[in-house]
N, C-alpha and C. Protein backbone atom coordinates (compact mmCIF):
# COMPACT_ATOMS: atom_id res chain seq x y z
N UNK A 1 0.94 -1.17 0.11
CA UNK A 1 -0.18 0.17 0.33
C UNK A 1 0.78 1.34 0.07
N UNK A 2 1.85 1.18 0.78
CA UNK A 2 2.77 2.43 0.95
C UNK A 2 3.42 2.63 -0.52
N UNK A 3 3.76 1.71 -0.96
CA UNK A 3 4.38 1.81 -2.34
C UNK A 3 3.80 2.61 -3.17
N UNK A 4 2.39 2.01 -3.58
CA UNK A 4 1.30 2.51 -4.61
C UNK A 4 1.17 3.87 -4.20
N UNK A 5 0.99 4.38 -2.81
CA UNK A 5 0.18 5.81 -2.41
C UNK A 5 1.56 6.64 -2.72
N UNK A 6 2.75 5.95 -2.19
CA UNK A 6 4.11 6.88 -2.59
C UNK A 6 4.21 7.27 -4.02
N UNK A 7 4.00 6.23 -5.04
CA UNK A 7 3.91 6.15 -6.44
C UNK A 7 2.95 7.42 -6.82
N UNK A 8 2.04 7.31 -6.12
CA UNK A 8 0.93 8.14 -6.71
C UNK A 8 1.17 9.58 -6.09
N UNK A 9 1.71 9.74 -4.95
CA UNK A 9 1.93 11.19 -4.43
C UNK A 9 3.25 11.60 -5.15
N UNK A 10 4.18 10.94 -5.52
CA UNK A 10 4.93 11.47 -6.65
C UNK A 10 4.86 11.80 -7.79
N UNK A 11 3.72 11.14 -8.47
CA UNK A 11 3.20 11.02 -9.93
C UNK A 11 2.54 12.77 -9.53
N UNK A 12 1.77 13.09 -8.23
CA UNK A 12 1.42 14.45 -8.32
C UNK A 12 2.34 15.39 -8.38
N UNK A 13 3.64 15.02 -7.48
CA UNK A 13 4.52 16.20 -7.62
C UNK A 13 5.06 16.34 -9.09
N UNK A 14 5.15 15.44 -9.78
CA UNK A 14 5.55 15.43 -11.22
C UNK A 14 4.60 16.36 -11.96
N UNK A 15 3.61 16.14 -11.76
CA UNK A 15 2.39 16.83 -12.56
C UNK A 15 2.46 18.44 -12.67
N UNK A 16 3.07 18.93 -11.64
CA UNK A 16 3.70 20.39 -11.01
C UNK A 16 4.53 20.82 -11.82
N UNK A 17 5.39 19.97 -12.25
CA UNK A 17 6.63 19.97 -13.05
C UNK A 17 6.64 19.95 -14.63
N UNK A 18 7.50 19.27 -14.86
CA UNK A 18 7.47 19.10 -16.61
C UNK A 18 5.99 18.44 -16.98
N UNK A 19 6.02 17.41 -17.69
CA UNK A 19 4.90 16.58 -18.31
C UNK A 19 4.28 15.77 -17.14
N UNK A 20 2.92 16.01 -16.99
CA UNK A 20 2.46 15.12 -15.75
C UNK A 20 2.02 13.60 -16.25
N UNK A 21 2.43 12.90 -15.50
CA UNK A 21 1.98 11.64 -15.68
C UNK A 21 0.54 11.13 -15.55
N UNK A 22 -0.34 10.72 -16.75
CA UNK A 22 -1.59 10.85 -16.69
C UNK A 22 -2.10 9.48 -16.83
N UNK A 23 -2.97 8.85 -16.33
CA UNK A 23 -3.13 7.71 -16.43
C UNK A 23 -4.73 7.66 -17.01
N UNK A 24 -5.02 6.90 -17.95
CA UNK A 24 -6.12 7.26 -18.55
C UNK A 24 -7.37 6.46 -17.41
N UNK A 25 -8.40 7.72 -17.47
CA UNK A 25 -9.38 7.31 -16.39
C UNK A 25 -10.33 6.65 -17.17
N UNK A 26 -10.93 5.21 -16.91
CA UNK A 26 -11.83 4.53 -17.57
C UNK A 26 -12.85 4.19 -16.67
N UNK A 27 -13.90 3.92 -17.32
CA UNK A 27 -15.07 3.47 -16.04
C UNK A 27 -14.75 2.09 -15.59
N UNK A 28 -14.96 2.13 -14.35
CA UNK A 28 -14.72 0.97 -13.46
C UNK A 28 -15.74 0.64 -13.09
N UNK A 29 -16.28 -0.52 -13.72
CA UNK A 29 -17.55 -1.20 -13.67
C UNK A 29 -17.10 -2.71 -12.87
N UNK A 30 -17.87 -3.36 -12.41
CA UNK A 30 -17.65 -4.38 -11.54
C UNK A 30 -16.81 -5.51 -12.31
N UNK A 31 -17.15 -5.51 -13.59
CA UNK A 31 -16.47 -6.67 -14.48
C UNK A 31 -15.18 -6.37 -14.70
N UNK A 32 -14.66 -5.01 -14.81
CA UNK A 32 -13.53 -4.55 -15.04
C UNK A 32 -12.57 -4.79 -14.08
N UNK A 33 -13.14 -4.19 -12.44
CA UNK A 33 -12.51 -4.55 -11.47
C UNK A 33 -12.10 -5.68 -11.13
N UNK A 34 -13.07 -6.76 -11.42
CA UNK A 34 -12.50 -8.14 -11.05
C UNK A 34 -11.65 -8.66 -12.16
N UNK A 35 -11.72 -8.19 -13.32
CA UNK A 35 -11.04 -8.74 -14.52
C UNK A 35 -9.15 -8.21 -14.21
N UNK A 36 -9.49 -6.99 -13.58
CA UNK A 36 -8.15 -6.43 -13.53
C UNK A 36 -7.71 -7.40 -12.12
N UNK A 37 -7.96 -7.47 -11.18
CA UNK A 37 -7.73 -8.17 -10.15
C UNK A 37 -7.48 -9.70 -10.50
N UNK A 38 -8.05 -10.25 -11.11
CA UNK A 38 -7.34 -11.77 -11.36
C UNK A 38 -6.36 -11.47 -12.70
N UNK A 39 -6.44 -10.71 -13.37
CA UNK A 39 -4.92 -10.47 -14.38
C UNK A 39 -3.72 -10.36 -13.29
N UNK A 40 -3.94 -9.46 -12.37
CA UNK A 40 -2.82 -9.58 -11.42
C UNK A 40 -2.48 -10.51 -10.50
N UNK A 41 -3.53 -11.40 -10.56
CA UNK A 41 -3.56 -12.48 -9.30
C UNK A 41 -3.65 -12.22 -7.98
N UNK A 42 -4.22 -11.60 -7.92
CA UNK A 42 -4.59 -11.22 -6.12
C UNK A 42 -5.87 -11.23 -5.87
N UNK A 43 -5.72 -11.61 -4.54
CA UNK A 43 -7.17 -11.54 -3.79
C UNK A 43 -7.62 -10.33 -3.60
N UNK A 44 -8.87 -10.36 -3.01
CA UNK A 44 -9.71 -8.91 -2.97
C UNK A 44 -8.84 -8.08 -1.67
N UNK A 45 -8.51 -8.77 -0.68
CA UNK A 45 -7.55 -8.47 0.35
C UNK A 45 -6.26 -7.76 -0.18
N UNK A 46 -5.44 -8.25 -1.18
CA UNK A 46 -4.52 -8.09 -1.65
C UNK A 46 -4.88 -6.59 -2.42
N UNK A 47 -5.60 -6.73 -3.16
CA UNK A 47 -6.15 -5.42 -3.90
C UNK A 47 -6.24 -4.04 -3.06
N UNK A 48 -7.24 -4.70 -1.86
CA UNK A 48 -7.70 -3.66 -1.12
C UNK A 48 -6.29 -3.03 -0.40
N UNK A 49 -5.17 -3.70 -0.08
CA UNK A 49 -4.11 -3.36 0.64
C UNK A 49 -3.40 -2.33 -0.33
N UNK A 50 -3.08 -2.61 -1.62
CA UNK A 50 -2.71 -1.68 -2.74
C UNK A 50 -3.30 -0.46 -2.77
N UNK A 51 -4.65 -0.60 -2.74
CA UNK A 51 -5.21 0.58 -2.96
C UNK A 51 -5.88 1.50 -1.37
N UNK A 52 -5.24 0.88 -0.60
CA UNK A 52 -5.22 1.71 0.75
C UNK A 52 -6.73 1.63 0.99
N UNK A 53 -7.72 0.38 1.03
CA UNK A 53 -9.16 0.43 1.28
C UNK A 53 -9.28 -1.09 2.08
N UNK A 54 -10.62 -1.00 2.13
CA UNK A 54 -11.21 -2.58 2.62
C UNK A 54 -11.26 -3.60 1.80
N UNK A 55 -11.25 -4.46 2.37
CA UNK A 55 -11.48 -6.16 1.39
C UNK A 55 -12.89 -5.96 1.07
N UNK A 56 -13.91 -5.43 1.73
CA UNK A 56 -15.18 -5.19 1.74
C UNK A 56 -15.60 -4.10 0.67
N UNK A 57 -14.95 -3.17 0.63
CA UNK A 57 -15.09 -2.39 -0.44
C UNK A 57 -14.59 -3.05 -1.97
N UNK A 58 -13.88 -3.96 -1.95
CA UNK A 58 -13.36 -4.32 -3.13
C UNK A 58 -14.28 -5.45 -3.89
N UNK A 59 -15.04 -5.82 -2.72
CA UNK A 59 -16.17 -6.76 -2.99
C UNK A 59 -17.31 -6.01 -3.41
N UNK A 60 -17.80 -4.99 -2.50
CA UNK A 60 -18.84 -4.06 -2.97
C UNK A 60 -18.84 -3.57 -4.55
N UNK A 61 -17.60 -3.43 -4.99
CA UNK A 61 -17.44 -3.15 -6.06
C UNK A 61 -17.69 -4.05 -7.06
N UNK A 62 -16.98 -5.34 -6.63
CA UNK A 62 -17.08 -6.32 -7.92
C UNK A 62 -18.67 -6.86 -7.78
N UNK A 63 -19.27 -6.71 -6.99
CA UNK A 63 -20.45 -7.04 -6.93
C UNK A 63 -21.62 -6.16 -7.66
N UNK A 64 -21.10 -5.18 -7.64
CA UNK A 64 -21.71 -3.94 -8.44
C UNK A 64 -22.61 -2.94 -7.50
N UNK A 65 -22.45 -3.34 -6.27
CA UNK A 65 -23.15 -2.67 -5.08
C UNK A 65 -22.79 -1.26 -5.35
N UNK A 66 -21.57 -0.62 -5.39
CA UNK A 66 -20.89 0.30 -5.55
C UNK A 66 -19.88 0.64 -6.46
N UNK A 67 -19.59 1.69 -6.66
CA UNK A 67 -18.79 2.05 -7.68
C UNK A 67 -17.55 2.79 -7.25
N UNK A 68 -16.56 2.79 -7.60
CA UNK A 68 -15.07 3.43 -7.25
C UNK A 68 -15.19 4.66 -7.82
N UNK A 69 -14.93 5.71 -7.03
CA UNK A 69 -14.70 7.23 -7.46
C UNK A 69 -13.70 8.00 -7.01
N UNK A 70 -13.64 9.06 -7.52
CA UNK A 70 -12.38 10.05 -7.24
C UNK A 70 -11.10 9.29 -7.16
N UNK A 71 -10.08 9.34 -6.19
CA UNK A 71 -8.71 8.89 -6.08
C UNK A 71 -8.69 7.52 -6.49
N UNK A 72 -9.83 6.52 -5.90
CA UNK A 72 -9.72 5.31 -6.23
C UNK A 72 -9.85 4.63 -7.68
N UNK A 73 -10.54 5.55 -8.57
CA UNK A 73 -10.46 5.36 -9.90
C UNK A 73 -9.26 5.90 -10.67
N UNK A 74 -8.61 6.67 -10.16
CA UNK A 74 -7.17 7.09 -10.30
C UNK A 74 -6.17 5.90 -9.92
N UNK A 75 -6.11 5.46 -8.85
CA UNK A 75 -5.24 4.69 -8.56
C UNK A 75 -5.68 3.07 -9.43
N UNK A 76 -6.77 2.69 -9.48
CA UNK A 76 -7.33 1.62 -10.44
C UNK A 76 -6.35 1.90 -11.90
N UNK A 77 -6.59 3.11 -12.20
CA UNK A 77 -5.96 3.26 -13.52
C UNK A 77 -4.63 3.29 -13.72
N UNK A 78 -4.00 3.37 -12.45
CA UNK A 78 -2.31 3.52 -12.20
C UNK A 78 -1.99 2.33 -12.43
N UNK A 79 -2.57 1.41 -11.35
CA UNK A 79 -2.27 -0.19 -11.45
C UNK A 79 -2.72 -0.76 -12.62
N UNK A 80 -3.71 -0.38 -13.19
CA UNK A 80 -3.85 -1.21 -14.72
C UNK A 80 -2.77 -0.92 -15.62
N UNK A 81 -2.46 0.16 -15.77
CA UNK A 81 -1.42 0.75 -17.01
C UNK A 81 0.19 0.11 -16.41
N UNK A 82 0.44 -0.05 -15.11
CA UNK A 82 1.58 -0.56 -14.69
C UNK A 82 1.86 -2.00 -15.02
N UNK A 83 0.17 -2.71 -14.76
CA UNK A 83 0.29 -4.09 -15.14
C UNK A 83 0.31 -4.78 -16.45
N UNK A 84 0.06 -3.45 -17.13
CA UNK A 84 -0.40 -3.77 -18.80
C UNK A 84 -1.62 -4.22 -19.02
N UNK A 85 -2.57 -4.02 -18.12
CA UNK A 85 -4.09 -4.64 -18.44
C UNK A 85 -4.68 -4.14 -19.33
N UNK A 86 -5.02 -4.88 -20.46
CA UNK A 86 -6.06 -4.59 -21.22
C UNK A 86 -7.39 -5.26 -21.44
N UNK A 87 -8.35 -4.56 -21.28
CA UNK A 87 -9.80 -5.00 -20.89
C UNK A 87 -10.56 -4.40 -22.06
N UNK A 88 -11.17 -5.40 -22.70
CA UNK A 88 -12.51 -5.18 -23.89
C UNK A 88 -13.39 -5.84 -23.21
N UNK A 89 -14.66 -5.30 -23.09
CA UNK A 89 -15.75 -6.00 -22.65
C UNK A 89 -16.63 -6.59 -24.00
N UNK A 90 -16.71 -7.90 -23.61
CA UNK A 90 -17.48 -8.66 -24.67
C UNK A 90 -18.96 -8.61 -24.82
N UNK A 91 -19.59 -8.22 -25.84
CA UNK A 91 -20.76 -8.11 -26.39
C UNK A 91 -21.92 -8.74 -25.40
N UNK A 92 -23.17 -8.49 -24.91
CA UNK A 92 -23.75 -9.27 -24.33
C UNK A 92 -24.36 -10.41 -25.37
N UNK A 93 -24.76 -11.37 -24.61
CA UNK A 93 -25.22 -12.57 -25.45
C UNK A 93 -26.60 -12.46 -25.49
N UNK A 94 -27.17 -12.38 -26.83
CA UNK A 94 -28.79 -12.28 -26.82
C UNK A 94 -29.23 -14.02 -27.03
N UNK A 95 -30.50 -14.28 -26.09
CA UNK A 95 -30.76 -15.38 -26.36
C UNK A 95 -32.12 -15.51 -27.35
N UNK A 96 -32.16 -16.09 -28.19
CA UNK A 96 -33.25 -16.11 -28.98
C UNK A 96 -34.04 -17.52 -28.89
N UNK A 97 -35.25 -17.27 -28.08
CA UNK A 97 -36.12 -18.48 -28.00
C UNK A 97 -37.03 -18.77 -29.21
N UNK A 98 -37.08 -20.20 -29.54
CA UNK A 98 -37.95 -20.45 -30.53
C UNK A 98 -39.12 -20.96 -30.48
N UNK A 99 -40.05 -20.94 -31.50
CA UNK A 99 -41.50 -21.10 -31.16
C UNK A 99 -41.78 -22.54 -31.83
């Protein structure tokens, strides 16, 4: 957790100097969060530690109860870029019922 927060703090300092580090802020829905965590091979608790939040928060995000906002979305984007996470949502499957 300390390492990621330090990196985030440093990126904020860098942004006031030369070229800022800009993580692409993506929409973080429950599927994207879970896919990122699995891509990294982390448990919910481990991801929570990296983000400086509770495991329950990660669970609530992954079940769609809540969505991350503010600094959490920025940190998720930074983690995703650092882990070279590429996520593309698959199109929903339409079920066709015959008569």
